Amino acid sequence: MAHTKSTLFSLGDLTLRDGGRIPSAQLAYATWGTLNEDRSNAVLIFHALSGTHHVSGNHPEPPEGCTLWAEELHDGWWNEMVGPGKAIDTDQFFVICANYLGGCYGSTGPSSINPETGKPFGSTFPHLNVADLVDAHLPLLDHLGIIKLHSVVGPSVGGLCTLTFATRHPEKVNRIIAIASGFKTTVLNRLILFEQILAIENDKHFNGGDYYDSEFPRIGLALARMISHKTFVHLDTFERRARRDLVHEEEMLSWYQVRDTFQSYMLHQGKKFTERFDANTYLRIIDMWSRYNAVLQGDADSPEDLFTRCNAAGHKFLIFSIDSDFCFYPEEQAEVVQHLEKAEVDTIHITVHSAKGHDSFLLEPELYTPHIRELLAD
């Protein structure tokens, strides 16, 4: 498996949508394939909530400034979808992916050193919007000499970025692929995300976000991950994965004893996550997700105003739903499709029938590959 290299790109001082400021910001990114002569074959991928910019290949070396590069991150998270001969074929396309602004895998985030203080940003790192993440990619595209993308692709939270990129900068892209995503965050998801925020905030080691010189809020982050993990994995798959010996976590429990393999499995997932992710980054992304509304992020007056731009730009959309998804329910993609069709935007809506839930886009590439390959080749 080919090794891929992480590169840092300087964004300079950034002023964010909510008024916050990030001095000397940078993005960590990686590329695959070759940009053609007229620079028309570029595909931009936005990763999911806890993903990395390391989409494909193998990269055992951590990105510069990253201390959380666990072994499970060494292989690309979409190896079965991106690469030579794959759905997003790097023999044909030049693929780009950047770690989100606010991230913990090389891009400037709360764990980064603030050059103005010499200390980690911590609690001073500002709130983010999806529009901030999207707009931060424009200087990178300019740097790479890309005027217009062939396609932009994103699963899950990455789909929110994909939709916002297409509607904020319609002239910058031709084709849009959003997988298991939505149009605006539902009340149910906002409540689930709020539970995760409370879990981290109430960890005794959180200290308002200033914990980098002491104990990390591992229990709060583990609990947040356990809350979210239930929405990623279908219950049938959950049951199969949980068939293992009990693991007792004295660090997280005192009076209560783990009773079954389901509890043990969840504890294992939560604890493992704390070894590869930063609690402050997690908070920034789920806060951003909780407040997402495509109309507001696109600075539009209405859904009609938002998607008329896509019609005028001649966009082609491919929207995927997963019928067993408990994170972004199929009704959420149906809402996007309804608005697109009302604006007479060329749209294909595919419902994937899967027993694997939201994680299907990671685990079952064969269900997505024919449709993605066809749209990209069209």
Protein backbone atom coordinates (compact mmCIF):
# COMPACT_ATOMS: atom_id res chain seq x y z
CA MET A 1 0.00 0.00 0.00
CA ALA A 2 1.47 3.35 -1.05
CA HIS A 3 2.59 5.82 1.58
CA THR A 4 1.07 9.28 1.43
CA LYS A 5 2.51 12.50 2.77
CA SER A 6 0.82 15.15 4.87
CA THR A 7 1.56 18.76 3.89
CA LEU A 8 0.95 21.96 5.84
CA PHE A 9 -0.52 25.01 4.13
CA SER A 10 -0.50 28.46 5.75
CA LEU A 11 -3.80 30.34 5.82
CA GLY A 12 -2.46 33.38 7.67
CA ASP A 13 -4.64 35.15 10.24
CA LEU A 14 -8.29 34.15 10.00
CA THR A 15 -11.40 36.00 11.16
CA LEU A 16 -14.28 33.56 11.55
CA ARG A 17 -17.98 33.87 10.86
CA ASP A 18 -18.90 34.39 14.52
CA GLY A 19 -16.17 36.99 14.98
CA GLY A 20 -13.47 34.77 16.46
CA ARG A 21 -9.89 35.01 15.28
CA ILE A 22 -7.17 32.41 14.64
CA PRO A 23 -3.65 33.81 14.18
CA SER A 24 -1.30 32.06 11.74
CA ALA A 25 -3.77 29.29 10.92
CA GLN A 26 -2.77 26.31 8.81
CA LEU A 27 -4.38 23.30 7.15
CA ALA A 28 -2.87 19.83 6.98
CA TYR A 29 -3.76 18.17 3.71
CA ALA A 30 -2.80 15.32 1.41
CA THR A 31 -3.27 14.62 -2.30
CA TRP A 32 -3.43 11.54 -4.53
CA GLY A 33 -3.17 11.21 -8.29
CA THR A 34 -1.99 13.80 -10.82
CA LEU A 35 -3.55 17.12 -11.74
CA ASN A 36 -4.14 17.15 -15.50
CA GLU A 37 -2.93 19.87 -17.84
CA ASP A 38 -6.05 22.03 -17.70
CA ARG A 39 -6.50 21.31 -13.95
CA SER A 40 -10.05 20.06 -14.45
CA ASN A 41 -9.83 16.66 -12.73
CA ALA A 42 -9.64 17.69 -9.06
CA VAL A 43 -11.92 16.02 -6.51
CA LEU A 44 -12.19 17.52 -3.02
CA ILE A 45 -13.20 15.19 -0.19
CA PHE A 46 -14.50 16.35 3.20
CA HIS A 47 -14.00 13.78 5.96
CA ALA A 48 -16.49 12.78 8.67
CA LEU A 49 -16.56 14.03 12.28
CA SER A 50 -13.58 12.12 13.66
CA GLY A 51 -11.89 11.38 10.35
CA THR A 52 -8.58 12.61 9.03
CA HIS A 53 -7.27 14.05 5.79
CA HIS A 54 -5.63 10.67 5.27
CA VAL A 55 -8.23 9.20 2.90
CA SER A 56 -6.22 6.56 1.09
CA GLY A 57 -2.94 4.69 1.27
CA ASN A 58 -0.74 4.16 4.30
CA HIS A 59 0.91 6.82 6.45
CA PRO A 60 2.51 5.57 9.67
CA GLU A 61 4.23 8.90 10.35
CA PRO A 62 2.07 11.45 12.21
CA PRO A 63 1.27 14.82 10.64
CA GLU A 64 3.49 17.59 11.95
CA GLY A 65 2.36 18.72 15.40
CA CYS A 66 0.03 15.73 15.91
CA THR A 67 0.43 13.66 19.10
CA LEU A 68 -2.66 11.46 18.63
CA TRP A 69 -1.66 9.46 15.55
CA ALA A 70 -2.77 6.02 16.76
CA GLU A 71 -2.08 2.88 14.75
CA GLU A 72 -5.68 2.61 13.58
CA LEU A 73 -5.18 5.89 11.67
CA HIS A 74 -2.22 4.67 9.63
CA ASP A 75 -4.37 3.22 6.86
CA GLY A 76 -6.65 5.56 4.94
CA TRP A 77 -10.22 5.60 6.22
CA TRP A 78 -11.62 5.25 2.67
CA ASN A 79 -9.06 2.92 1.16
CA GLU A 80 -11.76 0.83 -0.49
CA MET A 81 -13.33 3.86 -2.18
CA VAL A 82 -10.35 6.04 -3.17
CA GLY A 83 -7.36 4.80 -5.10
CA PRO A 84 -6.27 3.34 -8.45
CA GLY A 85 -9.26 1.69 -10.11
CA LYS A 86 -11.56 2.48 -7.16
CA ALA A 87 -14.83 4.45 -7.22
CA ILE A 88 -12.84 7.69 -7.00
CA ASP A 89 -10.06 6.59 -9.30
CA THR A 90 -6.73 8.26 -8.59
CA ASP A 91 -5.50 7.14 -12.01
CA GLN A 92 -8.05 9.60 -13.42
CA PHE A 93 -8.59 12.17 -10.70
CA PHE A 94 -6.48 14.39 -8.48
CA VAL A 95 -7.90 13.91 -4.99
CA ILE A 96 -7.48 16.44 -2.16
CA CYS A 97 -8.48 16.15 1.48
CA ALA A 98 -7.66 18.49 4.36
CA ASN A 99 -7.98 18.00 8.09
CA TYR A 100 -10.66 20.38 9.31
CA LEU A 101 -9.78 23.74 10.75
CA GLY A 102 -10.09 23.14 14.49
CA GLY A 103 -8.83 19.59 14.04
CA CYS A 104 -6.20 17.62 15.89
CA TYR A 105 -4.35 15.99 12.99
CA GLY A 106 -2.11 18.82 11.86
CA SER A 107 -4.52 21.67 11.11
CA THR A 108 -4.71 24.51 13.61
CA GLY A 109 -7.02 23.54 16.45
CA PRO A 110 -7.46 23.96 20.20
CA SER A 111 -4.42 21.75 20.95
CA SER A 112 -2.17 23.84 18.67
CA ILE A 113 0.23 26.40 20.08
CA ASN A 114 -1.08 29.96 19.83
CA PRO A 115 1.89 31.90 18.39
CA GLU A 116 0.79 34.99 20.31
CA THR A 117 0.95 33.31 23.73
CA GLY A 118 3.27 30.33 23.26
CA LYS A 119 0.62 28.09 24.87
CA PRO A 120 -2.10 25.82 23.47
CA PHE A 121 -5.23 27.68 22.39
CA GLY A 122 -7.41 25.52 24.66
CA SER A 123 -10.48 27.41 25.82
CA THR A 124 -9.58 30.46 23.70
CA PHE A 125 -10.04 28.63 20.42
CA PRO A 126 -13.18 30.15 18.86
CA HIS A 127 -16.47 28.59 17.80
CA LEU A 128 -16.57 27.31 14.23
CA ASN A 129 -19.21 27.16 11.51
CA VAL A 130 -19.34 24.80 8.55
CA ALA A 131 -18.91 27.91 6.37
CA ASP A 132 -15.57 28.58 8.12
CA LEU A 133 -14.32 25.07 7.33
CA VAL A 134 -15.45 25.32 3.73
CA ASP A 135 -14.02 28.79 3.09
CA ALA A 136 -10.66 27.76 4.56
CA HIS A 137 -10.25 25.43 1.56
CA LEU A 138 -10.39 28.24 -1.02
CA PRO A 139 -6.83 29.55 -0.46
CA LEU A 140 -5.60 25.96 -0.62
CA LEU A 141 -7.33 25.43 -3.98
CA ASP A 142 -5.84 28.70 -5.24
CA HIS A 143 -2.41 27.52 -4.09
CA LEU A 144 -2.87 24.30 -6.07
CA GLY A 145 -3.94 26.28 -9.14
CA ILE A 146 -7.46 24.82 -9.18
CA ILE A 147 -10.11 27.25 -10.42
CA LYS A 148 -12.96 24.77 -10.57
CA LEU A 149 -13.32 21.34 -9.01
CA HIS A 150 -14.58 18.39 -11.00
CA SER A 151 -16.40 17.14 -7.88
CA VAL A 152 -16.77 17.59 -4.16
CA VAL A 153 -17.57 14.55 -2.01
CA GLY A 154 -18.45 14.13 1.65
CA PRO A 155 -19.98 11.50 3.94
CA SER A 156 -21.79 12.26 7.21
CA VAL A 157 -20.61 15.62 8.64
CA GLY A 158 -18.47 15.87 5.52
CA GLY A 159 -21.72 15.94 3.57
CA LEU A 160 -22.70 19.14 5.39
CA CYS A 161 -19.44 20.69 4.18
CA THR A 162 -20.06 19.37 0.68
CA LEU A 163 -23.51 20.93 0.47
CA THR A 164 -22.25 24.22 1.90
CA PHE A 165 -19.31 24.34 -0.51
CA ALA A 166 -21.66 23.84 -3.47
CA THR A 167 -24.10 26.53 -2.34
CA ARG A 168 -21.57 29.10 -1.10
CA HIS A 169 -19.27 28.70 -4.10
CA PRO A 170 -21.40 27.24 -6.91
CA GLU A 171 -19.00 28.42 -9.58
CA LYS A 172 -16.21 26.33 -8.04
CA VAL A 173 -17.61 22.84 -8.67
CA ASN A 174 -19.50 20.71 -11.20
CA ARG A 175 -20.63 17.57 -9.36
CA ILE A 176 -21.63 17.08 -5.73
CA ILE A 177 -21.82 13.78 -3.86
CA ALA A 178 -23.27 13.81 -0.34
CA ILE A 179 -23.56 10.54 1.58
CA ALA A 180 -25.75 10.02 4.66
CA SER A 181 -25.96 13.72 5.50
CA GLY A 182 -28.61 16.40 5.87
CA PHE A 183 -29.99 19.88 5.23
CA LYS A 184 -30.28 21.13 8.79
CA THR A 185 -29.62 19.45 12.12
CA THR A 186 -32.74 17.84 13.57
CA VAL A 187 -33.96 18.44 17.13
CA LEU A 188 -33.16 14.81 17.98
CA ASN A 189 -29.57 15.14 16.80
CA ARG A 190 -29.14 18.46 18.59
CA LEU A 191 -30.18 16.78 21.83
CA ILE A 192 -27.84 13.82 21.26
CA LEU A 193 -25.00 16.23 20.53
CA PHE A 194 -25.85 18.26 23.64
CA GLU A 195 -25.57 15.11 25.76
CA GLN A 196 -22.05 14.65 24.40
CA ILE A 197 -21.16 18.26 25.15
CA LEU A 198 -22.35 17.81 28.74
CA ALA A 199 -20.34 14.60 29.09
CA ILE A 200 -17.10 16.40 28.22
CA GLU A 201 -17.90 19.63 30.07
CA ASN A 202 -18.59 17.70 33.29
CA ASP A 203 -15.39 15.68 33.29
CA LYS A 204 -13.44 16.82 36.36
CA HIS A 205 -10.31 17.22 34.22
CA PHE A 206 -11.88 19.36 31.48
CA ASN A 207 -11.04 22.66 33.22
CA GLY A 208 -13.00 24.73 30.71
CA GLY A 209 -10.83 23.36 27.91
CA ASP A 210 -7.46 24.20 29.43
CA TYR A 211 -6.16 20.74 30.26
CA TYR A 212 -3.10 20.29 28.05
CA ASP A 213 -0.56 20.58 30.86
CA SER A 214 -2.41 18.12 33.13
CA GLU A 215 -4.90 15.24 32.93
CA PHE A 216 -6.98 14.98 29.75
CA PRO A 217 -10.79 14.65 30.14
CA ARG A 218 -10.69 11.05 28.92
CA ILE A 219 -13.79 9.81 30.74
CA GLY A 220 -15.93 12.65 29.39
CA LEU A 221 -14.67 12.11 25.86
CA ALA A 222 -15.15 8.35 26.13
CA LEU A 223 -18.73 8.85 27.31
CA ALA A 224 -19.40 11.30 24.47
CA ARG A 225 -18.13 8.75 21.98
CA MET A 226 -20.30 6.04 23.51
CA ILE A 227 -23.36 8.27 23.17
CA SER A 228 -22.61 8.91 19.49
CA HIS A 229 -21.52 5.35 18.67
CA LYS A 230 -25.08 4.08 19.16
CA THR A 231 -26.17 6.16 16.17
CA PHE A 232 -23.34 4.98 13.90
CA VAL A 233 -23.79 1.23 14.15
CA HIS A 234 -26.98 -0.72 13.43
CA LEU A 235 -28.16 -2.78 16.42
CA ASP A 236 -27.72 -6.08 14.58
CA THR A 237 -24.11 -5.23 13.76
CA PHE A 238 -23.65 -3.97 17.29
CA GLU A 239 -24.74 -7.34 18.66
CA ARG A 240 -22.32 -9.24 16.42
CA ARG A 241 -19.39 -6.99 17.33
CA ALA A 242 -20.14 -7.22 21.04
CA ARG A 243 -19.66 -10.99 21.26
CA ARG A 244 -16.43 -10.93 23.20
CA ASP A 245 -15.21 -11.42 26.76
CA LEU A 246 -16.13 -8.86 29.38
CA VAL A 247 -13.61 -6.08 29.95
CA HIS A 248 -13.73 -4.39 33.34
CA GLU A 249 -12.79 -0.70 33.37
CA GLU A 250 -11.99 0.22 36.96
CA GLU A 251 -10.91 3.66 35.76
CA MET A 252 -14.46 4.50 34.66
CA LEU A 253 -16.55 2.51 37.17
CA SER A 254 -16.37 2.07 40.93
CA TRP A 255 -19.58 0.61 42.39
CA TYR A 256 -21.15 -0.72 39.18
CA GLN A 257 -19.83 -3.86 37.50
CA VAL A 258 -20.04 -4.43 33.76
CA ARG A 259 -22.87 -6.93 33.23
CA ASP A 260 -22.75 -7.94 29.58
CA THR A 261 -20.70 -7.81 26.40
CA PHE A 262 -22.66 -4.83 25.06
CA GLN A 263 -21.57 -2.63 27.94
CA SER A 264 -18.05 -3.97 27.66
CA TYR A 265 -17.95 -3.26 23.93
CA MET A 266 -19.11 0.33 24.42
CA LEU A 267 -16.54 0.97 27.13
CA HIS A 268 -13.86 -0.40 24.84
CA GLN A 269 -14.96 1.85 21.96
CA GLY A 270 -15.08 4.93 24.17
CA LYS A 271 -11.70 4.35 25.77
CA LYS A 272 -10.02 3.53 22.44
CA PHE A 273 -11.31 6.79 20.96
CA THR A 274 -9.61 8.88 23.65
CA GLU A 275 -6.24 7.61 22.46
CA ARG A 276 -6.69 9.18 19.03
CA PHE A 277 -8.84 12.31 19.42
CA ASP A 278 -8.85 15.60 21.30
CA ALA A 279 -11.85 16.57 23.45
CA ASN A 280 -11.70 20.25 22.47
CA THR A 281 -11.70 19.40 18.78
CA TYR A 282 -14.64 17.08 19.35
CA LEU A 283 -16.55 19.88 21.06
CA ARG A 284 -15.86 22.38 18.27
CA ILE A 285 -17.08 20.00 15.56
CA ILE A 286 -20.25 18.83 17.31
CA ASP A 287 -21.09 22.42 18.28
CA MET A 288 -20.73 23.34 14.60
CA TRP A 289 -22.85 20.35 13.58
CA SER A 290 -25.51 21.13 16.20
CA ARG A 291 -26.09 24.60 14.73
CA TYR A 292 -26.04 23.57 11.07
CA ASN A 293 -28.63 24.95 8.68
CA ALA A 294 -27.71 24.98 4.99
CA VAL A 295 -29.70 28.15 4.31
CA LEU A 296 -27.91 30.11 7.02
CA GLN A 297 -24.47 28.71 6.18
CA GLY A 298 -25.07 29.61 2.54
CA ASP A 299 -26.12 33.17 3.41
CA ALA A 300 -29.42 32.60 1.59
CA ASP A 301 -32.93 33.85 2.26
CA SER A 302 -34.66 30.52 1.67
CA PRO A 303 -34.04 27.00 0.36
CA GLU A 304 -35.24 28.19 -3.05
CA ASP A 305 -32.70 31.02 -3.02
CA LEU A 306 -29.99 28.58 -1.93
CA PHE A 307 -30.53 25.94 -4.59
CA THR A 308 -31.32 28.28 -7.46
CA ARG A 309 -27.57 28.91 -7.42
CA CYS A 310 -26.97 25.22 -8.09
CA ASN A 311 -29.39 25.28 -11.00
CA ALA A 312 -27.66 28.32 -12.51
CA ALA A 313 -24.26 26.64 -12.12
CA GLY A 314 -25.44 23.46 -13.86
CA HIS A 315 -24.64 21.24 -10.89
CA LYS A 316 -25.23 17.50 -10.83
CA PHE A 317 -26.02 16.05 -7.41
CA LEU A 318 -25.77 12.47 -6.18
CA ILE A 319 -27.42 12.00 -2.78
CA PHE A 320 -27.11 8.73 -0.85
CA SER A 321 -29.45 7.58 1.93
CA ILE A 322 -28.87 4.50 4.10
CA ASP A 323 -32.15 2.87 5.08
CA SER A 324 -30.79 1.69 8.47
CA ASP A 325 -29.13 5.00 9.39
CA PHE A 326 -29.88 6.25 12.92
CA CYS A 327 -27.46 9.19 12.72
CA PHE A 328 -28.72 11.01 9.62
CA TYR A 329 -32.13 9.48 8.98
CA PRO A 330 -33.20 8.93 5.33
CA GLU A 331 -35.87 11.64 5.77
CA GLU A 332 -33.05 14.16 6.07
CA GLN A 333 -31.64 13.35 2.64
CA ALA A 334 -35.17 13.34 1.25
CA GLU A 335 -35.50 16.95 2.41
CA VAL A 336 -32.36 17.94 0.50
CA VAL A 337 -33.60 16.15 -2.61
CA GLN A 338 -36.99 17.84 -2.37
CA HIS A 339 -35.37 21.28 -2.35
CA LEU A 340 -33.02 20.35 -5.21
CA GLU A 341 -35.85 19.03 -7.37
CA LYS A 342 -37.98 22.09 -6.66
CA ALA A 343 -35.09 24.21 -7.95
CA GLU A 344 -34.86 21.88 -10.99
CA VAL A 345 -31.30 20.83 -10.17
CA ASP A 346 -30.09 17.62 -11.85
CA THR A 347 -30.31 15.18 -8.92
CA ILE A 348 -29.97 11.43 -8.41
CA HIS A 349 -31.14 10.00 -5.08
CA ILE A 350 -29.97 6.49 -4.18
CA THR A 351 -31.18 4.60 -1.11
CA VAL A 352 -28.67 1.99 0.02
CA HIS A 353 -30.23 -1.05 1.65
CA SER A 354 -27.85 -2.07 4.41
CA ALA A 355 -27.80 -3.79 7.78
CA LYS A 356 -24.75 -1.81 8.89
CA GLY A 357 -26.33 1.57 9.65
CA HIS A 358 -24.55 4.89 9.25
CA ASP A 359 -21.14 3.19 9.00
CA SER A 360 -22.20 1.54 5.75
CA PHE A 361 -20.32 4.15 3.72
CA LEU A 362 -17.10 2.95 5.38
CA LEU A 363 -17.83 -0.78 5.31
CA GLU A 364 -19.66 -1.49 2.05
CA PRO A 365 -17.96 0.30 -0.86
CA GLU A 366 -19.57 -2.03 -3.39
CA LEU A 367 -22.96 -0.44 -2.67
CA TYR A 368 -21.73 3.04 -3.62
CA THR A 369 -19.02 2.46 -6.21
CA PRO A 370 -21.15 1.96 -9.38
CA HIS A 371 -23.18 5.13 -8.79
CA ILE A 372 -20.17 7.28 -7.85
CA ARG A 373 -18.14 6.01 -10.78
CA GLU A 374 -20.99 6.75 -13.19
CA LEU A 375 -21.50 10.31 -11.96
CA LEU A 376 -17.78 11.11 -12.05
CA ALA A 377 -17.46 9.73 -15.58
CA ASP A 378 -20.59 11.49 -16.88
